[in-house]
Amino acid sequence: MAWRFHGRAKVSPSRPQAFACCDDCGIWYNHVDLRWKVQWAGTRLQNLRLLVCERCWDVPQPQLKARILPPDPLPIRNPRPEYFAIDETTWIITDNGINIATNDGFQLVTN
């Protein structure tokens, strides 16, 4: 195949169309064959202002789309939470096995 100045653009003397260069690969195409490149930005697609050919056009990456979280459930009346302070206290027995102290160093029982 011989090298052509007009790249992949179609030349028609009866229906002339403008040429344009793909912003990604740099190959010449007909301007009507190029597409705008878009990307997710928050909850909508944003135009990146790049005209690209079919080969260079990518499907917008769904990982960049913002996730819409559902609202929190309504709270209940008169909740009865468990008292966790007792469960979270860590007890340490000293070397002599008699004194019991917390991690903060406060002695609770002495003999």
N, C-alpha and C. Protein backbone atom coordinates (compact mmCIF):
# COMPACT_ATOMS: atom_id res chain seq x y z
N MET A 1 0.84 -1.17 0.00
CA MET A 1 0.00 0.00 0.00
C MET A 1 0.89 1.24 0.00
N ALA A 2 0.62 2.13 -0.88
CA ALA A 2 1.41 3.35 -1.03
C ALA A 2 1.01 4.37 0.03
N TRP A 3 1.96 5.20 0.40
CA TRP A 3 1.70 6.24 1.38
C TRP A 3 0.84 7.32 0.75
N ARG A 4 -0.18 7.76 1.50
CA ARG A 4 -1.07 8.80 1.00
C ARG A 4 -1.00 10.02 1.91
N PHE A 5 -1.04 11.19 1.34
CA PHE A 5 -0.99 12.41 2.12
C PHE A 5 -2.25 12.58 2.97
N HIS A 6 -3.35 12.11 2.48
CA HIS A 6 -4.61 12.34 3.19
C HIS A 6 -4.94 11.23 4.18
N GLY A 7 -4.00 10.40 4.54
CA GLY A 7 -4.19 9.39 5.58
C GLY A 7 -5.36 8.46 5.30
N ARG A 8 -6.30 8.41 6.23
CA ARG A 8 -7.48 7.55 6.07
C ARG A 8 -8.71 8.34 5.66
N ALA A 9 -8.53 9.58 5.28
CA ALA A 9 -9.65 10.39 4.83
C ALA A 9 -10.07 9.95 3.42
N LYS A 10 -11.36 10.01 3.17
CA LYS A 10 -11.88 9.64 1.86
C LYS A 10 -11.99 10.90 1.00
N VAL A 11 -11.49 10.82 -0.21
CA VAL A 11 -11.51 11.95 -1.12
C VAL A 11 -12.58 11.69 -2.17
N SER A 12 -13.50 12.65 -2.30
CA SER A 12 -14.57 12.52 -3.29
C SER A 12 -14.74 13.86 -4.00
N PRO A 13 -14.53 13.88 -5.31
CA PRO A 13 -14.70 15.15 -6.03
C PRO A 13 -16.16 15.60 -6.10
N SER A 14 -17.09 14.66 -6.04
CA SER A 14 -18.50 15.04 -6.12
C SER A 14 -19.05 15.50 -4.77
N ARG A 15 -18.55 14.93 -3.66
CA ARG A 15 -19.00 15.33 -2.32
C ARG A 15 -17.78 15.61 -1.45
N PRO A 16 -17.15 16.75 -1.62
CA PRO A 16 -15.95 17.04 -0.84
C PRO A 16 -16.28 17.25 0.65
N GLN A 17 -15.38 16.74 1.51
CA GLN A 17 -15.53 16.90 2.96
C GLN A 17 -14.20 17.37 3.54
N ALA A 18 -14.28 18.07 4.64
CA ALA A 18 -13.07 18.61 5.27
C ALA A 18 -12.26 17.50 5.91
N PHE A 19 -10.93 17.67 5.90
CA PHE A 19 -10.04 16.75 6.57
C PHE A 19 -9.76 17.27 7.98
N ALA A 20 -9.42 16.35 8.87
CA ALA A 20 -9.03 16.72 10.23
C ALA A 20 -8.05 15.67 10.73
N CYS A 21 -7.23 16.08 11.66
CA CYS A 21 -6.21 15.20 12.22
C CYS A 21 -6.70 14.68 13.57
N CYS A 22 -6.58 13.38 13.80
CA CYS A 22 -6.95 12.78 15.08
C CYS A 22 -5.99 13.31 16.15
N ASP A 23 -6.54 13.77 17.28
CA ASP A 23 -5.71 14.34 18.34
C ASP A 23 -4.88 13.29 19.07
N ASP A 24 -5.23 12.01 18.99
CA ASP A 24 -4.45 10.97 19.66
C ASP A 24 -3.37 10.38 18.76
N CYS A 25 -3.74 9.88 17.60
CA CYS A 25 -2.77 9.18 16.75
C CYS A 25 -2.16 10.06 15.67
N GLY A 26 -2.78 11.19 15.33
CA GLY A 26 -2.21 12.10 14.35
C GLY A 26 -2.47 11.73 12.91
N ILE A 27 -3.33 10.78 12.62
CA ILE A 27 -3.63 10.37 11.26
C ILE A 27 -4.80 11.21 10.74
N TRP A 28 -4.77 11.54 9.44
CA TRP A 28 -5.82 12.34 8.83
C TRP A 28 -7.07 11.51 8.58
N TYR A 29 -8.22 12.07 8.90
CA TYR A 29 -9.55 11.48 8.66
C TYR A 29 -10.45 12.56 8.13
N ASN A 30 -11.64 12.17 7.68
CA ASN A 30 -12.66 13.17 7.40
C ASN A 30 -13.17 13.70 8.73
N HIS A 31 -13.42 15.00 8.78
CA HIS A 31 -13.83 15.64 10.04
C HIS A 31 -15.12 15.02 10.58
N VAL A 32 -16.02 14.60 9.71
CA VAL A 32 -17.30 14.02 10.16
C VAL A 32 -17.10 12.65 10.81
N ASP A 33 -15.96 12.00 10.57
CA ASP A 33 -15.71 10.68 11.14
C ASP A 33 -15.07 10.73 12.53
N LEU A 34 -14.64 11.90 12.98
CA LEU A 34 -14.02 12.04 14.30
C LEU A 34 -15.09 12.26 15.36
N ARG A 35 -14.78 11.80 16.57
CA ARG A 35 -15.73 11.91 17.70
C ARG A 35 -15.06 12.64 18.85
N TRP A 36 -15.87 13.26 19.70
CA TRP A 36 -15.35 13.92 20.88
C TRP A 36 -15.01 12.87 21.93
N LYS A 37 -13.88 13.02 22.58
CA LYS A 37 -13.47 12.12 23.66
C LYS A 37 -14.07 12.64 24.96
N VAL A 38 -14.71 11.76 25.73
CA VAL A 38 -15.36 12.16 26.98
C VAL A 38 -14.86 11.29 28.12
N GLN A 39 -15.03 11.81 29.35
CA GLN A 39 -14.60 11.10 30.54
C GLN A 39 -15.57 11.44 31.67
N TRP A 40 -15.79 10.50 32.59
CA TRP A 40 -16.66 10.76 33.73
C TRP A 40 -16.00 11.77 34.65
N ALA A 41 -16.77 12.75 35.09
CA ALA A 41 -16.33 13.75 36.06
C ALA A 41 -17.50 13.97 37.01
N GLY A 42 -17.49 13.28 38.13
CA GLY A 42 -18.62 13.38 39.06
C GLY A 42 -19.78 12.55 38.57
N THR A 43 -20.92 13.17 38.40
CA THR A 43 -22.12 12.44 37.99
C THR A 43 -22.43 12.58 36.50
N ARG A 44 -21.58 13.27 35.75
CA ARG A 44 -21.86 13.43 34.32
C ARG A 44 -20.59 13.29 33.49
N LEU A 45 -20.79 13.14 32.19
CA LEU A 45 -19.67 13.03 31.27
C LEU A 45 -19.14 14.43 30.94
N GLN A 46 -17.81 14.55 30.89
CA GLN A 46 -17.20 15.82 30.55
C GLN A 46 -16.44 15.67 29.25
N ASN A 47 -16.64 16.63 28.36
CA ASN A 47 -15.95 16.63 27.08
C ASN A 47 -14.51 17.05 27.30
N LEU A 48 -13.56 16.23 26.84
CA LEU A 48 -12.14 16.54 26.99
C LEU A 48 -11.62 17.43 25.87
N ARG A 49 -12.48 17.81 24.94
CA ARG A 49 -12.15 18.70 23.83
C ARG A 49 -11.07 18.10 22.93
N LEU A 50 -11.13 16.78 22.74
CA LEU A 50 -10.22 16.09 21.83
C LEU A 50 -11.06 15.38 20.78
N LEU A 51 -10.78 15.65 19.50
CA LEU A 51 -11.44 14.93 18.42
C LEU A 51 -10.57 13.74 18.05
N VAL A 52 -11.14 12.54 18.17
CA VAL A 52 -10.36 11.32 17.94
C VAL A 52 -11.09 10.42 16.95
N CYS A 53 -10.33 9.53 16.33
CA CYS A 53 -10.89 8.57 15.37
C CYS A 53 -11.56 7.42 16.12
N GLU A 54 -12.17 6.55 15.37
CA GLU A 54 -12.86 5.39 15.96
C GLU A 54 -11.89 4.47 16.69
N ARG A 55 -10.68 4.33 16.17
CA ARG A 55 -9.70 3.45 16.80
C ARG A 55 -9.19 4.01 18.13
N CYS A 56 -9.11 5.32 18.25
CA CYS A 56 -8.57 5.95 19.45
C CYS A 56 -9.66 6.28 20.48
N TRP A 57 -10.92 6.22 20.08
CA TRP A 57 -12.00 6.56 21.00
C TRP A 57 -12.17 5.45 22.03
N ASP A 58 -12.23 5.82 23.30
CA ASP A 58 -12.39 4.86 24.39
C ASP A 58 -13.75 5.04 25.04
N VAL A 59 -14.28 3.94 25.55
CA VAL A 59 -15.51 4.01 26.34
C VAL A 59 -15.16 4.70 27.66
N PRO A 60 -15.98 5.65 28.13
CA PRO A 60 -15.66 6.33 29.39
C PRO A 60 -15.50 5.34 30.54
N GLN A 61 -14.47 5.54 31.35
CA GLN A 61 -14.14 4.64 32.46
C GLN A 61 -15.18 4.77 33.57
N PRO A 62 -15.95 3.70 33.88
CA PRO A 62 -16.99 3.80 34.90
C PRO A 62 -16.44 3.96 36.31
N GLN A 63 -15.16 3.64 36.55
CA GLN A 63 -14.61 3.81 37.89
C GLN A 63 -14.48 5.27 38.28
N LEU A 64 -14.44 6.17 37.30
CA LEU A 64 -14.35 7.60 37.59
C LEU A 64 -15.70 8.22 37.89
N LYS A 65 -16.76 7.45 37.70
CA LYS A 65 -18.11 7.96 37.95
C LYS A 65 -18.36 8.02 39.45
N ALA A 66 -19.01 9.08 39.89
CA ALA A 66 -19.31 9.23 41.32
C ALA A 66 -20.40 8.24 41.72
N ARG A 67 -20.22 7.66 42.88
CA ARG A 67 -21.23 6.74 43.39
C ARG A 67 -22.25 7.53 44.20
N ILE A 68 -23.50 7.27 43.93
CA ILE A 68 -24.57 7.93 44.67
C ILE A 68 -25.03 6.97 45.76
N LEU A 69 -24.78 7.36 46.99
CA LEU A 69 -25.12 6.51 48.13
C LEU A 69 -26.56 6.75 48.56
N PRO A 70 -27.24 5.70 49.02
CA PRO A 70 -28.60 5.89 49.51
C PRO A 70 -28.58 6.64 50.85
N PRO A 71 -29.69 7.26 51.23
CA PRO A 71 -29.71 7.96 52.51
C PRO A 71 -29.62 6.99 53.68
N ASP A 72 -29.16 7.51 54.83
CA ASP A 72 -29.06 6.69 56.02
C ASP A 72 -30.46 6.29 56.48
N PRO A 73 -30.61 5.12 57.12
CA PRO A 73 -31.92 4.73 57.62
C PRO A 73 -32.34 5.61 58.79
N LEU A 74 -33.63 5.69 59.03
CA LEU A 74 -34.14 6.50 60.13
C LEU A 74 -33.74 5.88 61.46
N PRO A 75 -33.37 6.70 62.45
CA PRO A 75 -33.00 6.14 63.74
C PRO A 75 -34.22 5.64 64.49
N ILE A 76 -34.00 4.73 65.46
CA ILE A 76 -35.12 4.21 66.25
C ILE A 76 -35.28 5.05 67.51
N ARG A 77 -36.44 5.00 68.10
CA ARG A 77 -36.69 5.72 69.36
C ARG A 77 -36.23 4.88 70.54
N ASN A 78 -35.72 5.55 71.56
CA ASN A 78 -35.27 4.91 72.79
C ASN A 78 -34.32 3.74 72.54
N PRO A 79 -33.19 3.98 71.90
CA PRO A 79 -32.26 2.88 71.66
C PRO A 79 -31.61 2.43 72.97
N ARG A 80 -31.22 1.19 73.02
CA ARG A 80 -30.56 0.62 74.19
C ARG A 80 -29.23 0.02 73.76
N PRO A 81 -28.21 0.88 73.61
CA PRO A 81 -26.90 0.34 73.21
C PRO A 81 -26.24 -0.39 74.36
N GLU A 82 -25.38 -1.32 74.00
CA GLU A 82 -24.63 -2.07 75.01
C GLU A 82 -23.57 -1.16 75.62
N TYR A 83 -23.29 -1.35 76.90
CA TYR A 83 -22.28 -0.58 77.59
C TYR A 83 -20.93 -1.22 77.31
N PHE A 84 -20.18 -0.66 76.37
CA PHE A 84 -18.94 -1.27 75.89
C PHE A 84 -17.72 -0.91 76.73
N ALA A 85 -17.82 0.04 77.64
CA ALA A 85 -16.65 0.47 78.39
C ALA A 85 -16.08 -0.67 79.24
N ILE A 86 -16.92 -1.51 79.78
CA ILE A 86 -16.45 -2.63 80.59
C ILE A 86 -15.73 -3.65 79.71
N ASP A 87 -16.28 -3.89 78.53
CA ASP A 87 -15.68 -4.88 77.63
C ASP A 87 -14.35 -4.42 77.06
N GLU A 88 -14.13 -3.12 76.94
CA GLU A 88 -12.92 -2.61 76.32
C GLU A 88 -11.76 -2.42 77.29
N THR A 89 -11.97 -2.58 78.58
CA THR A 89 -10.89 -2.44 79.56
C THR A 89 -9.98 -3.66 79.49
N THR A 90 -8.70 -3.43 79.32
CA THR A 90 -7.72 -4.50 79.25
C THR A 90 -7.07 -4.65 80.62
N TRP A 91 -7.07 -5.87 81.15
CA TRP A 91 -6.50 -6.13 82.46
C TRP A 91 -5.13 -6.75 82.31
N ILE A 92 -4.19 -6.30 83.13
CA ILE A 92 -2.83 -6.84 83.12
C ILE A 92 -2.50 -7.29 84.53
N ILE A 93 -1.98 -8.50 84.68
CA ILE A 93 -1.54 -9.01 85.98
C ILE A 93 -0.04 -8.77 86.08
N THR A 94 0.38 -8.25 87.20
CA THR A 94 1.80 -7.93 87.37
C THR A 94 2.62 -9.20 87.60
N ASP A 95 3.92 -9.02 87.78
CA ASP A 95 4.85 -10.15 87.92
C ASP A 95 4.54 -11.02 89.13
N ASN A 96 4.13 -10.39 90.23
CA ASN A 96 3.90 -11.20 91.43
C ASN A 96 2.55 -11.92 91.39
N GLY A 97 1.73 -11.64 90.40
CA GLY A 97 0.45 -12.33 90.26
C GLY A 97 -0.61 -11.88 91.24
N ILE A 98 -0.36 -10.85 92.03
CA ILE A 98 -1.33 -10.40 93.03
C ILE A 98 -2.01 -9.12 92.58
N ASN A 99 -1.24 -8.13 92.13
CA ASN A 99 -1.80 -6.84 91.76
C ASN A 99 -2.38 -6.89 90.35
N ILE A 100 -3.55 -6.33 90.17
CA ILE A 100 -4.19 -6.25 88.85
C ILE A 100 -4.25 -4.77 88.49
N ALA A 101 -3.81 -4.45 87.27
CA ALA A 101 -3.80 -3.05 86.83
C ALA A 101 -4.30 -2.98 85.39
N THR A 102 -4.72 -1.79 85.00
CA THR A 102 -5.15 -1.57 83.61
C THR A 102 -3.93 -1.17 82.79
N ASN A 103 -4.11 -0.98 81.48
CA ASN A 103 -3.03 -0.55 80.62
C ASN A 103 -2.54 0.83 80.98
N ASP A 104 -3.40 1.65 81.59
CA ASP A 104 -3.01 3.01 81.98
C ASP A 104 -2.12 3.03 83.21
N GLY A 105 -1.99 1.91 83.92
CA GLY A 105 -1.16 1.85 85.09
C GLY A 105 -1.92 2.04 86.40
N PHE A 106 -3.23 2.19 86.35
CA PHE A 106 -4.02 2.34 87.58
C PHE A 106 -4.21 0.98 88.21
N GLN A 107 -3.90 0.86 89.49
CA GLN A 107 -4.08 -0.42 90.16
C GLN A 107 -5.52 -0.50 90.66
N LEU A 108 -6.14 -1.63 90.42
CA LEU A 108 -7.52 -1.80 90.80
C LEU A 108 -7.66 -2.62 92.09
N VAL A 109 -6.85 -3.68 92.23
CA VAL A 109 -6.92 -4.53 93.43
C VAL A 109 -5.51 -4.68 94.00
N THR A 110 -5.36 -4.42 95.26
CA THR A 110 -4.05 -4.65 95.91
C THR A 110 -4.25 -5.53 97.11
N ASN A 111 -3.33 -6.42 97.36
CA ASN A 111 -3.41 -7.31 98.53
C ASN A 111 -2.29 -7.04 99.48
